[in-house]
Amino acid sequence: MINIIKGIIVLFLIVPLSACSINQNKESFRIFDETQSNVATKEIKNDDEFNRLKKLLNNASLPNVKWPNREEDYTIKQEKVGQADLINNYKVWLEDSQVILVDIQNHKYGKLDGVDAQKLKEILKIDDL
């Protein structure tokens, strides 16, 4: 009987600890819409949406793109869930037919054209509540 009680106690200690360690490796994106007077935000934690956005950001071509001469339209921050440290930070400008990105952490410029630009614009939309 004592072994069963010890087993139950160990089980109740291990399950919460393993759940905490799983969440420590989870990442999210926070998107800030800088075009509004009150900055609107949304967070992307869903694995499918997170991976879709990460793929778009990683696939941006890196030519010598000139920064627009205005404030950015969006800021995208990649973070570990539950931690304040940034993994990456992007500034985003929406242009007519393209999206210009600046990877602040790695000092890289990029742009997306065509379908990829449209996909990113859709992800960046923040619905008014």
N, C-alpha and C. Protein backbone atom coordinates (compact mmCIF):
# COMPACT_ATOMS: atom_id res chain seq x y z
N MET A 1 0.82 -1.20 0.00
CA MET A 1 0.00 0.00 0.00
C MET A 1 0.86 1.26 0.00
N ILE A 2 1.94 1.23 0.76
CA ILE A 2 2.83 2.39 0.82
C ILE A 2 3.48 2.62 -0.54
N ASN A 3 3.81 1.55 -1.26
CA ASN A 3 4.40 1.69 -2.59
C ASN A 3 3.43 2.34 -3.57
N ILE A 4 2.15 2.03 -3.44
CA ILE A 4 1.14 2.65 -4.31
C ILE A 4 1.05 4.14 -4.01
N ILE A 5 1.04 4.51 -2.74
CA ILE A 5 0.99 5.92 -2.36
C ILE A 5 2.23 6.66 -2.86
N LYS A 6 3.40 6.03 -2.72
CA LYS A 6 4.63 6.65 -3.22
C LYS A 6 4.56 6.82 -4.74
N GLY A 7 4.03 5.82 -5.41
CA GLY A 7 3.88 5.91 -6.87
C GLY A 7 2.97 7.04 -7.30
N ILE A 8 1.88 7.20 -6.58
CA ILE A 8 0.94 8.28 -6.90
C ILE A 8 1.58 9.65 -6.65
N ILE A 9 2.32 9.77 -5.56
CA ILE A 9 3.01 11.03 -5.25
C ILE A 9 4.03 11.35 -6.34
N VAL A 10 4.81 10.37 -6.74
CA VAL A 10 5.81 10.58 -7.80
C VAL A 10 5.11 10.98 -9.10
N LEU A 11 4.01 10.32 -9.42
CA LEU A 11 3.27 10.64 -10.63
C LEU A 11 2.79 12.09 -10.62
N PHE A 12 2.25 12.54 -9.49
CA PHE A 12 1.77 13.92 -9.39
C PHE A 12 2.91 14.93 -9.43
N LEU A 13 4.11 14.53 -9.11
CA LEU A 13 5.26 15.44 -9.19
C LEU A 13 5.85 15.47 -10.60
N ILE A 14 5.90 14.34 -11.28
CA ILE A 14 6.54 14.25 -12.59
C ILE A 14 5.69 14.89 -13.69
N VAL A 15 4.40 14.66 -13.69
CA VAL A 15 3.54 15.18 -14.76
C VAL A 15 3.59 16.70 -14.84
N PRO A 16 3.42 17.44 -13.75
CA PRO A 16 3.51 18.92 -13.87
C PRO A 16 4.89 19.39 -14.29
N LEU A 17 5.94 18.73 -13.83
CA LEU A 17 7.29 19.15 -14.21
C LEU A 17 7.54 18.92 -15.69
N SER A 18 7.07 17.81 -16.22
CA SER A 18 7.27 17.55 -17.64
C SER A 18 6.44 18.52 -18.49
N ALA A 19 5.26 18.88 -18.03
CA ALA A 19 4.44 19.86 -18.75
C ALA A 19 5.13 21.22 -18.78
N CYS A 20 5.76 21.61 -17.70
CA CYS A 20 6.49 22.89 -17.66
C CYS A 20 7.65 22.88 -18.64
N SER A 21 8.37 21.78 -18.73
CA SER A 21 9.52 21.73 -19.62
C SER A 21 9.09 21.75 -21.08
N ILE A 22 7.92 21.19 -21.40
CA ILE A 22 7.42 21.23 -22.77
C ILE A 22 7.10 22.67 -23.15
N ASN A 23 6.45 23.44 -22.29
CA ASN A 23 6.07 24.82 -22.59
C ASN A 23 7.27 25.76 -22.67
N GLN A 24 8.38 25.42 -22.03
CA GLN A 24 9.55 26.30 -22.06
C GLN A 24 10.16 26.38 -23.45
N ASN A 25 9.97 25.34 -24.27
CA ASN A 25 10.54 25.35 -25.61
C ASN A 25 9.57 25.88 -26.66
N LYS A 26 8.36 26.19 -26.29
CA LYS A 26 7.36 26.69 -27.22
C LYS A 26 7.64 28.16 -27.54
N GLU A 27 7.52 28.49 -28.81
CA GLU A 27 7.77 29.86 -29.26
C GLU A 27 6.48 30.47 -29.78
N SER A 28 6.44 31.79 -29.82
CA SER A 28 5.29 32.49 -30.37
C SER A 28 5.77 33.75 -31.09
N PHE A 29 4.89 34.30 -31.91
CA PHE A 29 5.13 35.60 -32.53
C PHE A 29 4.11 36.57 -31.96
N ARG A 30 4.55 37.77 -31.62
CA ARG A 30 3.64 38.85 -31.28
C ARG A 30 3.75 39.89 -32.39
N ILE A 31 2.60 40.28 -32.91
CA ILE A 31 2.56 41.24 -34.02
C ILE A 31 1.95 42.54 -33.50
N PHE A 32 2.64 43.64 -33.80
CA PHE A 32 2.20 44.97 -33.38
C PHE A 32 1.86 45.79 -34.62
N ASP A 33 0.62 46.22 -34.74
CA ASP A 33 0.19 47.06 -35.86
C ASP A 33 0.48 48.51 -35.51
N GLU A 34 1.54 49.04 -36.08
CA GLU A 34 2.00 50.40 -35.78
C GLU A 34 1.26 51.46 -36.59
N THR A 35 0.34 51.04 -37.48
CA THR A 35 -0.35 52.00 -38.33
C THR A 35 -1.51 52.67 -37.62
N GLN A 36 -1.91 52.15 -36.49
CA GLN A 36 -3.03 52.70 -35.75
C GLN A 36 -2.53 53.60 -34.63
N SER A 37 -3.36 54.55 -34.22
CA SER A 37 -2.94 55.46 -33.15
C SER A 37 -2.74 54.70 -31.84
N ASN A 38 -3.61 53.76 -31.54
CA ASN A 38 -3.40 52.84 -30.42
C ASN A 38 -2.89 51.54 -31.00
N VAL A 39 -1.68 51.19 -30.72
CA VAL A 39 -1.05 50.03 -31.32
C VAL A 39 -1.85 48.77 -30.96
N ALA A 40 -2.33 48.08 -32.00
CA ALA A 40 -3.06 46.83 -31.81
C ALA A 40 -2.07 45.68 -31.88
N THR A 41 -2.35 44.62 -31.14
CA THR A 41 -1.45 43.47 -31.14
C THR A 41 -2.22 42.17 -31.31
N LYS A 42 -1.51 41.16 -31.76
CA LYS A 42 -2.04 39.80 -31.74
C LYS A 42 -0.86 38.86 -31.53
N GLU A 43 -1.17 37.70 -30.97
CA GLU A 43 -0.13 36.71 -30.70
C GLU A 43 -0.43 35.45 -31.49
N ILE A 44 0.61 34.88 -32.08
CA ILE A 44 0.47 33.64 -32.83
C ILE A 44 1.19 32.55 -32.06
N LYS A 45 0.39 31.63 -31.46
CA LYS A 45 0.93 30.50 -30.71
C LYS A 45 0.64 29.18 -31.40
N ASN A 46 -0.39 29.16 -32.24
CA ASN A 46 -0.78 27.96 -32.96
C ASN A 46 0.38 27.47 -33.81
N ASP A 47 0.72 26.18 -33.69
CA ASP A 47 1.90 25.64 -34.37
C ASP A 47 1.84 25.84 -35.88
N ASP A 48 0.68 25.61 -36.51
CA ASP A 48 0.58 25.76 -37.96
C ASP A 48 0.80 27.20 -38.40
N GLU A 49 0.13 28.14 -37.73
CA GLU A 49 0.30 29.55 -38.07
C GLU A 49 1.71 30.02 -37.78
N PHE A 50 2.28 29.58 -36.65
CA PHE A 50 3.64 29.95 -36.28
C PHE A 50 4.62 29.49 -37.36
N ASN A 51 4.51 28.23 -37.76
CA ASN A 51 5.42 27.68 -38.77
C ASN A 51 5.24 28.36 -40.12
N ARG A 52 3.99 28.71 -40.47
CA ARG A 52 3.74 29.40 -41.73
C ARG A 52 4.41 30.77 -41.75
N LEU A 53 4.29 31.51 -40.65
CA LEU A 53 4.92 32.84 -40.56
C LEU A 53 6.44 32.72 -40.53
N LYS A 54 6.95 31.77 -39.77
CA LYS A 54 8.41 31.59 -39.68
C LYS A 54 8.99 31.25 -41.05
N LYS A 55 8.30 30.40 -41.82
CA LYS A 55 8.77 30.03 -43.15
C LYS A 55 8.80 31.25 -44.07
N LEU A 56 7.74 32.07 -44.01
CA LEU A 56 7.72 33.29 -44.84
C LEU A 56 8.87 34.22 -44.49
N LEU A 57 9.11 34.43 -43.20
CA LEU A 57 10.19 35.33 -42.78
C LEU A 57 11.55 34.79 -43.19
N ASN A 58 11.72 33.48 -43.09
CA ASN A 58 13.00 32.87 -43.47
C ASN A 58 13.22 32.85 -44.97
N ASN A 59 12.13 32.87 -45.76
CA ASN A 59 12.25 32.79 -47.21
C ASN A 59 12.37 34.15 -47.89
N ALA A 60 12.38 35.22 -47.13
CA ALA A 60 12.48 36.55 -47.74
C ALA A 60 13.81 36.67 -48.47
N SER A 61 13.74 37.16 -49.72
CA SER A 61 14.98 37.37 -50.47
C SER A 61 15.74 38.53 -49.83
N LEU A 62 17.05 38.49 -49.95
CA LEU A 62 17.88 39.48 -49.25
C LEU A 62 18.69 40.34 -50.21
N PRO A 63 18.02 41.07 -51.11
CA PRO A 63 18.78 42.00 -51.96
C PRO A 63 19.09 43.27 -51.18
N ASN A 64 19.74 44.20 -51.81
CA ASN A 64 19.97 45.49 -51.16
C ASN A 64 18.71 46.32 -51.26
N VAL A 65 17.84 46.11 -50.32
CA VAL A 65 16.57 46.82 -50.30
C VAL A 65 16.75 48.10 -49.49
N LYS A 66 16.25 49.18 -50.01
CA LYS A 66 16.31 50.44 -49.29
C LYS A 66 15.14 50.53 -48.32
N TRP A 67 15.43 50.93 -47.09
CA TRP A 67 14.37 51.12 -46.10
C TRP A 67 13.47 52.25 -46.57
N PRO A 68 12.17 52.11 -46.39
CA PRO A 68 11.28 53.23 -46.69
C PRO A 68 11.59 54.40 -45.74
N ASN A 69 11.35 55.58 -46.20
CA ASN A 69 11.64 56.78 -45.43
C ASN A 69 10.43 57.15 -44.56
N ARG A 70 9.98 56.19 -43.74
CA ARG A 70 8.86 56.39 -42.83
C ARG A 70 8.92 55.33 -41.74
N GLU A 71 8.11 55.50 -40.72
CA GLU A 71 8.05 54.51 -39.63
C GLU A 71 7.50 53.19 -40.16
N GLU A 72 7.90 52.10 -39.54
CA GLU A 72 7.43 50.79 -39.96
C GLU A 72 5.92 50.65 -39.74
N ASP A 73 5.31 49.76 -40.54
CA ASP A 73 3.88 49.49 -40.39
C ASP A 73 3.61 48.45 -39.30
N TYR A 74 4.50 47.49 -39.18
CA TYR A 74 4.33 46.42 -38.20
C TYR A 74 5.67 46.09 -37.55
N THR A 75 5.60 45.56 -36.35
CA THR A 75 6.74 44.96 -35.68
C THR A 75 6.34 43.53 -35.35
N ILE A 76 7.23 42.58 -35.62
CA ILE A 76 6.98 41.18 -35.29
C ILE A 76 8.07 40.74 -34.33
N LYS A 77 7.67 40.24 -33.17
CA LYS A 77 8.63 39.78 -32.17
C LYS A 77 8.47 38.28 -31.97
N GLN A 78 9.56 37.56 -32.15
CA GLN A 78 9.57 36.12 -31.91
C GLN A 78 10.12 35.87 -30.51
N GLU A 79 9.33 35.15 -29.69
CA GLU A 79 9.69 34.96 -28.29
C GLU A 79 9.47 33.51 -27.87
N LYS A 80 10.11 33.15 -26.77
CA LYS A 80 9.77 31.89 -26.11
C LYS A 80 8.61 32.19 -25.19
N VAL A 81 7.62 31.30 -25.19
CA VAL A 81 6.43 31.50 -24.36
C VAL A 81 6.83 31.56 -22.90
N GLY A 82 6.35 32.59 -22.21
CA GLY A 82 6.61 32.73 -20.78
C GLY A 82 7.94 33.37 -20.44
N GLN A 83 8.70 33.83 -21.45
CA GLN A 83 9.99 34.48 -21.19
C GLN A 83 10.01 35.84 -21.87
N ALA A 84 10.73 36.75 -21.31
CA ALA A 84 10.79 38.11 -21.86
C ALA A 84 11.85 38.26 -22.95
N ASP A 85 12.81 37.35 -23.03
CA ASP A 85 13.89 37.47 -24.00
C ASP A 85 13.37 37.26 -25.43
N LEU A 86 13.82 38.12 -26.33
CA LEU A 86 13.45 37.99 -27.74
C LEU A 86 14.35 36.99 -28.44
N ILE A 87 13.77 36.19 -29.32
CA ILE A 87 14.55 35.34 -30.20
C ILE A 87 14.89 36.14 -31.45
N ASN A 88 13.90 36.91 -31.93
CA ASN A 88 14.13 37.75 -33.09
C ASN A 88 13.13 38.91 -33.08
N ASN A 89 13.45 39.93 -33.87
CA ASN A 89 12.64 41.14 -33.93
C ASN A 89 12.68 41.65 -35.37
N TYR A 90 11.51 41.81 -35.97
CA TYR A 90 11.43 42.25 -37.35
C TYR A 90 10.66 43.56 -37.43
N LYS A 91 11.07 44.44 -38.34
CA LYS A 91 10.31 45.63 -38.70
C LYS A 91 9.77 45.37 -40.10
N VAL A 92 8.51 45.77 -40.34
CA VAL A 92 7.84 45.42 -41.60
C VAL A 92 7.20 46.67 -42.19
N TRP A 93 7.43 46.87 -43.49
CA TRP A 93 6.80 47.94 -44.25
C TRP A 93 5.98 47.31 -45.36
N LEU A 94 4.73 47.72 -45.49
CA LEU A 94 3.88 47.24 -46.58
C LEU A 94 3.94 48.25 -47.72
N GLU A 95 4.34 47.77 -48.87
CA GLU A 95 4.39 48.59 -50.08
C GLU A 95 3.32 48.06 -51.03
N ASP A 96 3.13 48.71 -52.19
CA ASP A 96 2.06 48.31 -53.11
C ASP A 96 2.14 46.83 -53.47
N SER A 97 3.26 46.38 -54.00
CA SER A 97 3.35 45.01 -54.50
C SER A 97 4.35 44.16 -53.73
N GLN A 98 4.89 44.68 -52.66
CA GLN A 98 5.89 43.92 -51.91
C GLN A 98 5.83 44.27 -50.43
N VAL A 99 6.51 43.44 -49.66
CA VAL A 99 6.67 43.68 -48.22
C VAL A 99 8.17 43.76 -47.96
N ILE A 100 8.59 44.80 -47.26
CA ILE A 100 10.01 44.96 -46.92
C ILE A 100 10.18 44.60 -45.45
N LEU A 101 11.18 43.76 -45.18
CA LEU A 101 11.46 43.28 -43.82
C LEU A 101 12.86 43.67 -43.41
N VAL A 102 13.01 44.00 -42.14
CA VAL A 102 14.35 44.17 -41.57
C VAL A 102 14.43 43.27 -40.35
N ASP A 103 15.38 42.35 -40.40
CA ASP A 103 15.66 41.44 -39.29
C ASP A 103 16.62 42.19 -38.36
N ILE A 104 16.09 42.75 -37.29
CA ILE A 104 16.87 43.62 -36.39
C ILE A 104 18.00 42.85 -35.71
N GLN A 105 17.71 41.64 -35.23
CA GLN A 105 18.70 40.86 -34.49
C GLN A 105 19.91 40.49 -35.35
N ASN A 106 19.64 40.11 -36.62
CA ASN A 106 20.72 39.62 -37.49
C ASN A 106 21.19 40.66 -38.51
N HIS A 107 20.63 41.86 -38.44
CA HIS A 107 21.01 42.96 -39.33
C HIS A 107 20.90 42.57 -40.80
N LYS A 108 19.71 42.03 -41.18
CA LYS A 108 19.47 41.65 -42.57
C LYS A 108 18.24 42.37 -43.09
N TYR A 109 18.26 42.64 -44.39
CA TYR A 109 17.12 43.23 -45.07
C TYR A 109 16.50 42.14 -45.92
N GLY A 110 15.22 42.24 -46.19
CA GLY A 110 14.59 41.28 -47.07
C GLY A 110 13.33 41.84 -47.67
N LYS A 111 12.82 41.14 -48.67
CA LYS A 111 11.55 41.54 -49.25
C LYS A 111 10.81 40.30 -49.71
N LEU A 112 9.51 40.43 -49.74
CA LEU A 112 8.63 39.39 -50.26
C LEU A 112 7.80 40.01 -51.38
N ASP A 113 7.64 39.27 -52.47
CA ASP A 113 6.84 39.72 -53.60
C ASP A 113 5.71 38.74 -53.84
N GLY A 114 4.76 39.15 -54.64
CA GLY A 114 3.71 38.27 -55.14
C GLY A 114 2.92 37.56 -54.07
N VAL A 115 2.80 36.24 -54.24
CA VAL A 115 1.97 35.41 -53.36
C VAL A 115 2.49 35.46 -51.93
N ASP A 116 3.80 35.39 -51.74
CA ASP A 116 4.36 35.43 -50.38
C ASP A 116 4.04 36.75 -49.68
N ALA A 117 4.08 37.85 -50.41
CA ALA A 117 3.74 39.15 -49.83
C ALA A 117 2.27 39.16 -49.40
N GLN A 118 1.40 38.60 -50.23
CA GLN A 118 -0.02 38.54 -49.89
C GLN A 118 -0.27 37.66 -48.67
N LYS A 119 0.44 36.52 -48.59
CA LYS A 119 0.30 35.63 -47.43
C LYS A 119 0.69 36.34 -46.14
N LEU A 120 1.81 37.08 -46.18
CA LEU A 120 2.25 37.79 -44.99
C LEU A 120 1.26 38.89 -44.61
N LYS A 121 0.74 39.60 -45.59
CA LYS A 121 -0.25 40.65 -45.31
C LYS A 121 -1.48 40.05 -44.62
N GLU A 122 -1.90 38.86 -45.05
CA GLU A 122 -3.05 38.20 -44.42
C GLU A 122 -2.75 37.84 -42.97
N ILE A 123 -1.55 37.33 -42.70
CA ILE A 123 -1.17 36.96 -41.34
C ILE A 123 -1.11 38.20 -40.45
N LEU A 124 -0.65 39.31 -41.01
CA LEU A 124 -0.47 40.53 -40.21
C LEU A 124 -1.78 41.20 -39.83
N LYS A 125 -2.86 40.90 -40.53
CA LYS A 125 -4.14 41.54 -40.22
C LYS A 125 -4.53 41.27 -38.77
N ILE A 126 -4.87 42.32 -38.10
CA ILE A 126 -5.33 42.21 -36.71
C ILE A 126 -6.80 42.61 -36.70
N ASP A 127 -7.65 41.65 -36.37
CA ASP A 127 -9.07 41.90 -36.35
C ASP A 127 -9.43 42.77 -35.16
N ASP A 128 -10.26 43.77 -35.39
CA ASP A 128 -10.74 44.61 -34.29
C ASP A 128 -11.72 43.80 -33.47
N LEU A 129 -11.58 43.89 -32.16
CA LEU A 129 -12.49 43.16 -31.28
C LEU A 129 -13.68 44.02 -30.92
